[in-house]
């Protein structure tokens, strides 16, 4: 993503902005700053939007800004750089720790997971209430240090996960929960970045 003044900008906030523009666009600057958790930093949001518009990554109109085709390609590149295959707003009770959750699907990161605590801590630092990490190895979903085989404890949940994601051996799912959707999304992105 284009780089400008970085005082309160971060790679996570920039990726979050791209996803917000994809999920919610067209969206106005004031709504964006609230969703980004930068309500006191309007100049930062304006600068981020200006950089994206100069690069041809967004188009702006009366109803707000939205990603262009070039912006969607940039988002794909940013996600791929973090091994992110998919990002979904999906409820996976009882793996959630708050009222709303986002899930990221990471390709081939299962071997990097020890207990899931580092990823959870990264999500919490980013504003989530908590996070749960799942790994897919040898045809089996596990929650490291909690459930060796998720299917034996929660067969319906495991079936739902298999139906929602195209898992390959060695993949990881991270579920981050928060009080609102956007803190959950920021939390799950931070957890994914902790694995990169």
C-alpha atoms as a PDB file:
ATOM      1  CA  UNK A   1       0.000   0.000   0.000  1.00  0.00           C
ATOM      2  CA  UNK A   2       1.246   3.539  -0.615  1.00  0.00           C
ATOM      3  CA  UNK A   3       3.236   4.925   2.260  1.00  0.00           C
ATOM      4  CA  UNK A   4       2.783   8.460   3.610  1.00  0.00           C
ATOM      5  CA  UNK A   5       3.008  10.025   7.052  1.00  0.00           C
ATOM      6  CA  UNK A   6       2.974   6.998   9.333  1.00  0.00           C
ATOM      7  CA  UNK A   7       2.608   8.527  12.778  1.00  0.00           C
ATOM      8  CA  UNK A   8      -0.593   6.640  13.624  1.00  0.00           C
ATOM      9  CA  UNK A   9      -0.830   4.603  10.444  1.00  0.00           C
ATOM     10  CA  UNK A  10       0.013   0.970  10.557  1.00  0.00           C
ATOM     11  CA  UNK A  11      -0.007  -1.903   8.130  1.00  0.00           C
ATOM     12  CA  UNK A  12      -2.991  -3.352   9.996  1.00  0.00           C
ATOM     13  CA  UNK A  13      -4.976  -0.077   9.801  1.00  0.00           C
ATOM     14  CA  UNK A  14      -4.199   0.193   6.076  1.00  0.00           C
ATOM     15  CA  UNK A  15      -5.321  -3.390   5.429  1.00  0.00           C
ATOM     16  CA  UNK A  16      -8.380  -2.796   7.612  1.00  0.00           C
ATOM     17  CA  UNK A  17      -9.246   0.277   5.519  1.00  0.00           C
ATOM     18  CA  UNK A  18      -9.030  -1.721   2.288  1.00  0.00           C
ATOM     19  CA  UNK A  19     -11.315  -4.414   3.719  1.00  0.00           C
ATOM     20  CA  UNK A  20     -13.781  -1.803   5.006  1.00  0.00           C
ATOM     21  CA  UNK A  21     -13.896  -0.217   1.564  1.00  0.00           C
ATOM     22  CA  UNK A  22     -14.535  -3.666   0.077  1.00  0.00           C
ATOM     23  CA  UNK A  23     -17.174  -4.774   2.598  1.00  0.00           C
ATOM     24  CA  UNK A  24     -18.951  -1.437   3.128  1.00  0.00           C
ATOM     25  CA  UNK A  25     -18.082   0.790   0.143  1.00  0.00           C
ATOM     26  CA  UNK A  26     -18.980   3.310  -0.897  1.00  0.00           C
ATOM     27  CA  UNK A  27     -18.324   4.756   2.530  1.00  0.00           C
ATOM     28  CA  UNK A  28     -17.664   8.277   3.785  1.00  0.00           C
ATOM     29  CA  UNK A  29     -14.559   9.504   5.572  1.00  0.00           C
ATOM     30  CA  UNK A  30     -16.345  10.111   8.891  1.00  0.00           C
ATOM     31  CA  UNK A  31     -17.763   6.608   8.993  1.00  0.00           C
ATOM     32  CA  UNK A  32     -14.362   5.212   8.030  1.00  0.00           C
ATOM     33  CA  UNK A  33     -12.545   6.985  10.848  1.00  0.00           C
ATOM     34  CA  UNK A  34     -15.032   5.549  13.369  1.00  0.00           C
ATOM     35  CA  UNK A  35     -14.717   2.033  11.934  1.00  0.00           C
ATOM     36  CA  UNK A  36     -10.932   2.294  11.924  1.00  0.00           C
ATOM     37  CA  UNK A  37     -10.919   3.414  15.556  1.00  0.00           C
ATOM     38  CA  UNK A  38      -9.272   6.690  14.530  1.00  0.00           C
ATOM     39  CA  UNK A  39     -12.063   9.082  15.517  1.00  0.00           C
ATOM     40  CA  UNK A  40      -9.527  11.579  16.901  1.00  0.00           C
ATOM     41  CA  UNK A  41      -7.336  11.315  13.804  1.00  0.00           C
ATOM     42  CA  UNK A  42      -9.341  12.642  10.864  1.00  0.00           C
ATOM     43  CA  UNK A  43      -6.151  13.894   9.168  1.00  0.00           C
ATOM     44  CA  UNK A  44      -4.698  10.389   9.136  1.00  0.00           C
ATOM     45  CA  UNK A  45      -7.814   8.946   7.478  1.00  0.00           C
ATOM     46  CA  UNK A  46      -7.901  11.787   4.957  1.00  0.00           C
ATOM     47  CA  UNK A  47      -4.217  11.181   4.150  1.00  0.00           C
ATOM     48  CA  UNK A  48      -4.772   7.429   3.737  1.00  0.00           C
ATOM     49  CA  UNK A  49      -7.703   8.058   1.394  1.00  0.00           C
ATOM     50  CA  UNK A  50      -5.712  10.633  -0.593  1.00  0.00           C
ATOM     51  CA  UNK A  51      -2.839   8.171  -1.052  1.00  0.00           C
ATOM     52  CA  UNK A  52      -5.251   5.483  -2.248  1.00  0.00           C
ATOM     53  CA  UNK A  53      -7.023   7.853  -4.643  1.00  0.00           C
ATOM     54  CA  UNK A  54      -3.724   9.140  -6.098  1.00  0.00           C
ATOM     55  CA  UNK A  55      -2.696   5.545  -6.739  1.00  0.00           C
ATOM     56  CA  UNK A  56      -5.988   4.770  -8.479  1.00  0.00           C
ATOM     57  CA  UNK A  57      -6.969   2.271  -5.786  1.00  0.00           C
ATOM     58  CA  UNK A  58     -10.244   3.980  -4.850  1.00  0.00           C
ATOM     59  CA  UNK A  59     -12.812   6.180  -6.512  1.00  0.00           C
ATOM     60  CA  UNK A  60     -14.703   8.818  -4.546  1.00  0.00           C
ATOM     61  CA  UNK A  61     -18.103  10.347  -5.037  1.00  0.00           C
ATOM     62  CA  UNK A  62     -20.959  11.901  -3.078  1.00  0.00           C
ATOM     63  CA  UNK A  63     -21.752   8.616  -1.352  1.00  0.00           C
ATOM     64  CA  UNK A  64     -18.133   8.065  -0.305  1.00  0.00           C
ATOM     65  CA  UNK A  65     -15.166   6.009  -1.447  1.00  0.00           C
ATOM     66  CA  UNK A  66     -15.013   2.510  -2.854  1.00  0.00           C
ATOM     67  CA  UNK A  67     -12.322   0.201  -4.189  1.00  0.00           C
ATOM     68  CA  UNK A  68     -11.548   0.221  -7.891  1.00  0.00           C
ATOM     69  CA  UNK A  69     -10.512  -2.925  -9.755  1.00  0.00           C
ATOM     70  CA  UNK A  70      -6.911  -1.851  -9.128  1.00  0.00           C
ATOM     71  CA  UNK A  71      -7.761  -1.441  -5.426  1.00  0.00           C
ATOM     72  CA  UNK A  72      -9.229  -4.941  -5.281  1.00  0.00           C
ATOM     73  CA  UNK A  73      -5.993  -6.313  -6.779  1.00  0.00           C
ATOM     74  CA  UNK A  74      -4.007  -4.371  -4.146  1.00  0.00           C
ATOM     75  CA  UNK A  75      -6.184  -5.874  -1.399  1.00  0.00           C
ATOM     76  CA  UNK A  76      -5.606  -9.377  -2.810  1.00  0.00           C
ATOM     77  CA  UNK A  77      -1.826  -8.763  -2.831  1.00  0.00           C
ATOM     78  CA  UNK A  78      -1.885  -7.484   0.767  1.00  0.00           C
ATOM     79  CA  UNK A  79      -3.890 -10.495   1.950  1.00  0.00           C
ATOM     80  CA  UNK A  80      -1.627 -12.893   0.064  1.00  0.00           C
ATOM     81  CA  UNK A  81       1.458 -11.274   1.659  1.00  0.00           C
ATOM     82  CA  UNK A  82       0.041 -12.388   5.029  1.00  0.00           C
ATOM     83  CA  UNK A  83      -0.946 -15.879   3.743  1.00  0.00           C
ATOM     84  CA  UNK A  84      -4.627 -14.895   4.090  1.00  0.00           C
ATOM     85  CA  UNK A  85      -6.881 -16.896   1.779  1.00  0.00           C
ATOM     86  CA  UNK A  86     -10.220 -15.621   3.074  1.00  0.00           C
ATOM     87  CA  UNK A  87     -11.796 -13.246   5.605  1.00  0.00           C
ATOM     88  CA  UNK A  88     -15.356 -13.940   6.761  1.00  0.00           C
ATOM     89  CA  UNK A  89     -17.871 -12.408   9.119  1.00  0.00           C
ATOM     90  CA  UNK A  90     -19.250 -15.608  10.596  1.00  0.00           C
ATOM     91  CA  UNK A  91     -20.464 -16.898  13.943  1.00  0.00           C
ATOM     92  CA  UNK A  92     -18.628 -19.969  15.204  1.00  0.00           C
ATOM     93  CA  UNK A  93     -20.061 -20.449  18.679  1.00  0.00           C
ATOM     94  CA  UNK A  94     -18.707 -21.772  21.085  1.00  0.00           C
ATOM     95  CA  UNK A  95     -15.286 -20.653  19.806  1.00  0.00           C
ATOM     96  CA  UNK A  96     -16.184 -16.970  20.139  1.00  0.00           C
ATOM     97  CA  UNK A  97     -15.229 -14.841  23.134  1.00  0.00           C
ATOM     98  CA  UNK A  98     -17.486 -11.880  22.369  1.00  0.00           C
ATOM     99  CA  UNK A  99     -20.712 -10.845  20.649  1.00  0.00           C
ATOM    100  CA  UNK A 100     -19.352 -10.559  17.090  1.00  0.00           C
ATOM    101  CA  UNK A 101     -16.539 -12.304  15.225  1.00  0.00           C
ATOM    102  CA  UNK A 102     -14.449 -12.368  12.072  1.00  0.00           C
ATOM    103  CA  UNK A 103     -12.481 -15.373  10.869  1.00  0.00           C
ATOM    104  CA  UNK A 104      -9.348 -15.446   8.727  1.00  0.00           C
ATOM    105  CA  UNK A 105      -8.225 -18.493   6.790  1.00  0.00           C
ATOM    106  CA  UNK A 106      -4.448 -18.708   6.478  1.00  0.00           C
ATOM    107  CA  UNK A 107      -2.749 -21.016   4.035  1.00  0.00           C
ATOM    108  CA  UNK A 108      -0.048 -23.297   5.395  1.00  0.00           C
ATOM    109  CA  UNK A 109       0.640 -21.637   8.762  1.00  0.00           C
ATOM    110  CA  UNK A 110      -0.343 -24.505  11.114  1.00  0.00           C
ATOM    111  CA  UNK A 111       3.260 -25.503  11.814  1.00  0.00           C
ATOM    112  CA  UNK A 112       3.953 -22.011  13.193  1.00  0.00           C
ATOM    113  CA  UNK A 113       1.246 -22.367  15.882  1.00  0.00           C
ATOM    114  CA  UNK A 114       2.402 -23.419  19.323  1.00  0.00           C
ATOM    115  CA  UNK A 115      -0.518 -22.727  21.651  1.00  0.00           C
ATOM    116  CA  UNK A 116      -2.403 -19.892  19.951  1.00  0.00           C
ATOM    117  CA  UNK A 117      -1.598 -17.528  22.826  1.00  0.00           C
ATOM    118  CA  UNK A 118       0.654 -15.198  20.794  1.00  0.00           C
ATOM    119  CA  UNK A 119      -2.062 -14.794  18.187  1.00  0.00           C
ATOM    120  CA  UNK A 120      -4.709 -14.244  20.854  1.00  0.00           C
ATOM    121  CA  UNK A 121      -2.557 -11.603  22.546  1.00  0.00           C
ATOM    122  CA  UNK A 122      -2.025  -9.789  19.224  1.00  0.00           C
ATOM    123  CA  UNK A 123      -5.790  -9.746  18.639  1.00  0.00           C
ATOM    124  CA  UNK A 124      -6.463  -8.367  22.131  1.00  0.00           C
ATOM    125  CA  UNK A 125      -3.829  -5.631  21.719  1.00  0.00           C
ATOM    126  CA  UNK A 126      -5.655  -4.606  18.525  1.00  0.00           C
ATOM    127  CA  UNK A 127      -9.002  -4.264  20.321  1.00  0.00           C
ATOM    128  CA  UNK A 128     -10.549  -7.737  20.244  1.00  0.00           C
ATOM    129  CA  UNK A 129     -11.872  -9.407  23.383  1.00  0.00           C
ATOM    130  CA  UNK A 130     -10.111 -12.637  22.476  1.00  0.00           C
ATOM    131  CA  UNK A 131      -9.201 -15.052  19.716  1.00  0.00           C
ATOM    132  CA  UNK A 132      -9.241 -18.779  19.084  1.00  0.00           C
ATOM    133  CA  UNK A 133      -6.823 -20.509  16.729  1.00  0.00           C
ATOM    134  CA  UNK A 134      -7.685 -23.699  14.833  1.00  0.00           C
ATOM    135  CA  UNK A 135      -5.281 -25.802  12.812  1.00  0.00           C
ATOM    136  CA  UNK A 136      -6.058 -28.327  10.105  1.00  0.00           C
ATOM    137  CA  UNK A 137      -3.577 -31.201   9.935  1.00  0.00           C
ATOM    138  CA  UNK A 138      -3.962 -34.750   8.657  1.00  0.00           C
ATOM    139  CA  UNK A 139      -7.635 -34.179   7.892  1.00  0.00           C
ATOM    140  CA  UNK A 140      -8.423 -33.044  11.428  1.00  0.00           C
ATOM    141  CA  UNK A 141      -9.367 -29.673  12.943  1.00  0.00           C
ATOM    142  CA  UNK A 142      -7.720 -28.932  16.289  1.00  0.00           C
ATOM    143  CA  UNK A 143      -7.626 -26.091  18.786  1.00  0.00           C
ATOM    144  CA  UNK A 144      -3.991 -26.291  19.989  1.00  0.00           C
ATOM    145  CA  UNK A 145      -3.652 -27.149  23.676  1.00  0.00           C
ATOM    146  CA  UNK A 146      -7.470 -27.421  24.007  1.00  0.00           C
ATOM    147  CA  UNK A 147      -9.093 -29.895  21.557  1.00  0.00           C
ATOM    148  CA  UNK A 148      -7.040 -32.448  19.688  1.00  0.00           C
ATOM    149  CA  UNK A 149     -10.007 -33.249  17.431  1.00  0.00           C
ATOM    150  CA  UNK A 150     -12.707 -30.581  17.256  1.00  0.00           C
ATOM    151  CA  UNK A 151     -15.058 -32.966  15.425  1.00  0.00           C
ATOM    152  CA  UNK A 152     -15.272 -35.294  18.423  1.00  0.00           C
ATOM    153  CA  UNK A 153     -16.256 -32.460  20.795  1.00  0.00           C
ATOM    154  CA  UNK A 154     -18.355 -30.298  18.423  1.00  0.00           C
ATOM    155  CA  UNK A 155     -19.308 -32.328  15.326  1.00  0.00           C
ATOM    156  CA  UNK A 156     -21.874 -29.793  14.040  1.00  0.00           C
ATOM    157  CA  UNK A 157     -19.441 -26.918  14.414  1.00  0.00           C
ATOM    158  CA  UNK A 158     -16.692 -28.845  12.609  1.00  0.00           C
ATOM    159  CA  UNK A 159     -19.137 -29.678   9.794  1.00  0.00           C
ATOM    160  CA  UNK A 160     -20.033 -25.980   9.492  1.00  0.00           C
ATOM    161  CA  UNK A 161     -16.362 -25.005   9.304  1.00  0.00           C
ATOM    162  CA  UNK A 162     -15.666 -27.612   6.620  1.00  0.00           C
ATOM    163  CA  UNK A 163     -18.636 -26.252   4.665  1.00  0.00           C
ATOM    164  CA  UNK A 164     -17.481 -22.628   4.987  1.00  0.00           C
ATOM    165  CA  UNK A 165     -13.779 -22.974   4.165  1.00  0.00           C
ATOM    166  CA  UNK A 166     -11.746 -24.908   1.591  1.00  0.00           C
ATOM    167  CA  UNK A 167      -9.129 -26.215   3.976  1.00  0.00           C
ATOM    168  CA  UNK A 168      -5.846 -27.762   2.880  1.00  0.00           C
ATOM    169  CA  UNK A 169      -3.458 -29.668   5.096  1.00  0.00           C
ATOM    170  CA  UNK A 170      -1.460 -27.226   7.230  1.00  0.00           C
ATOM    171  CA  UNK A 171      -4.041 -24.411   7.139  1.00  0.00           C
ATOM    172  CA  UNK A 172      -5.019 -22.230  10.086  1.00  0.00           C
ATOM    173  CA  UNK A 173      -8.221 -20.444  11.030  1.00  0.00           C
ATOM    174  CA  UNK A 174      -8.270 -17.602  13.541  1.00  0.00           C
ATOM    175  CA  UNK A 175     -11.539 -16.458  15.115  1.00  0.00           C
ATOM    176  CA  UNK A 176     -11.364 -13.022  16.783  1.00  0.00           C
ATOM    177  CA  UNK A 177     -14.290 -11.614  18.736  1.00  0.00           C
ATOM    178  CA  UNK A 178     -15.059  -8.099  19.946  1.00  0.00           C
ATOM    179  CA  UNK A 179     -17.841  -5.753  20.989  1.00  0.00           C
ATOM    180  CA  UNK A 180     -18.210  -4.578  17.379  1.00  0.00           C
ATOM    181  CA  UNK A 181     -17.457  -5.990  13.942  1.00  0.00           C
ATOM    182  CA  UNK A 182     -14.594  -3.663  13.124  1.00  0.00           C
ATOM    183  CA  UNK A 183     -12.592  -4.300  16.310  1.00  0.00           C
ATOM    184  CA  UNK A 184     -13.078  -8.032  15.630  1.00  0.00           C
ATOM    185  CA  UNK A 185     -11.797  -7.556  12.081  1.00  0.00           C
ATOM    186  CA  UNK A 186      -8.809  -5.509  13.255  1.00  0.00           C
ATOM    187  CA  UNK A 187      -8.089  -8.110  15.935  1.00  0.00           C
ATOM    188  CA  UNK A 188      -8.140 -11.022  13.506  1.00  0.00           C
ATOM    189  CA  UNK A 189      -5.845  -9.147  11.100  1.00  0.00           C
ATOM    190  CA  UNK A 190      -3.391  -8.446  13.933  1.00  0.00           C
ATOM    191  CA  UNK A 191      -3.461 -12.123  14.926  1.00  0.00           C
ATOM    192  CA  UNK A 192      -2.780 -13.146  11.317  1.00  0.00           C
ATOM    193  CA  UNK A 193       0.087 -10.664  11.097  1.00  0.00           C
ATOM    194  CA  UNK A 194       1.580 -12.164  14.266  1.00  0.00           C
ATOM    195  CA  UNK A 195       1.958 -15.421  12.282  1.00  0.00           C
ATOM    196  CA  UNK A 196       3.589 -13.800   9.225  1.00  0.00           C
END
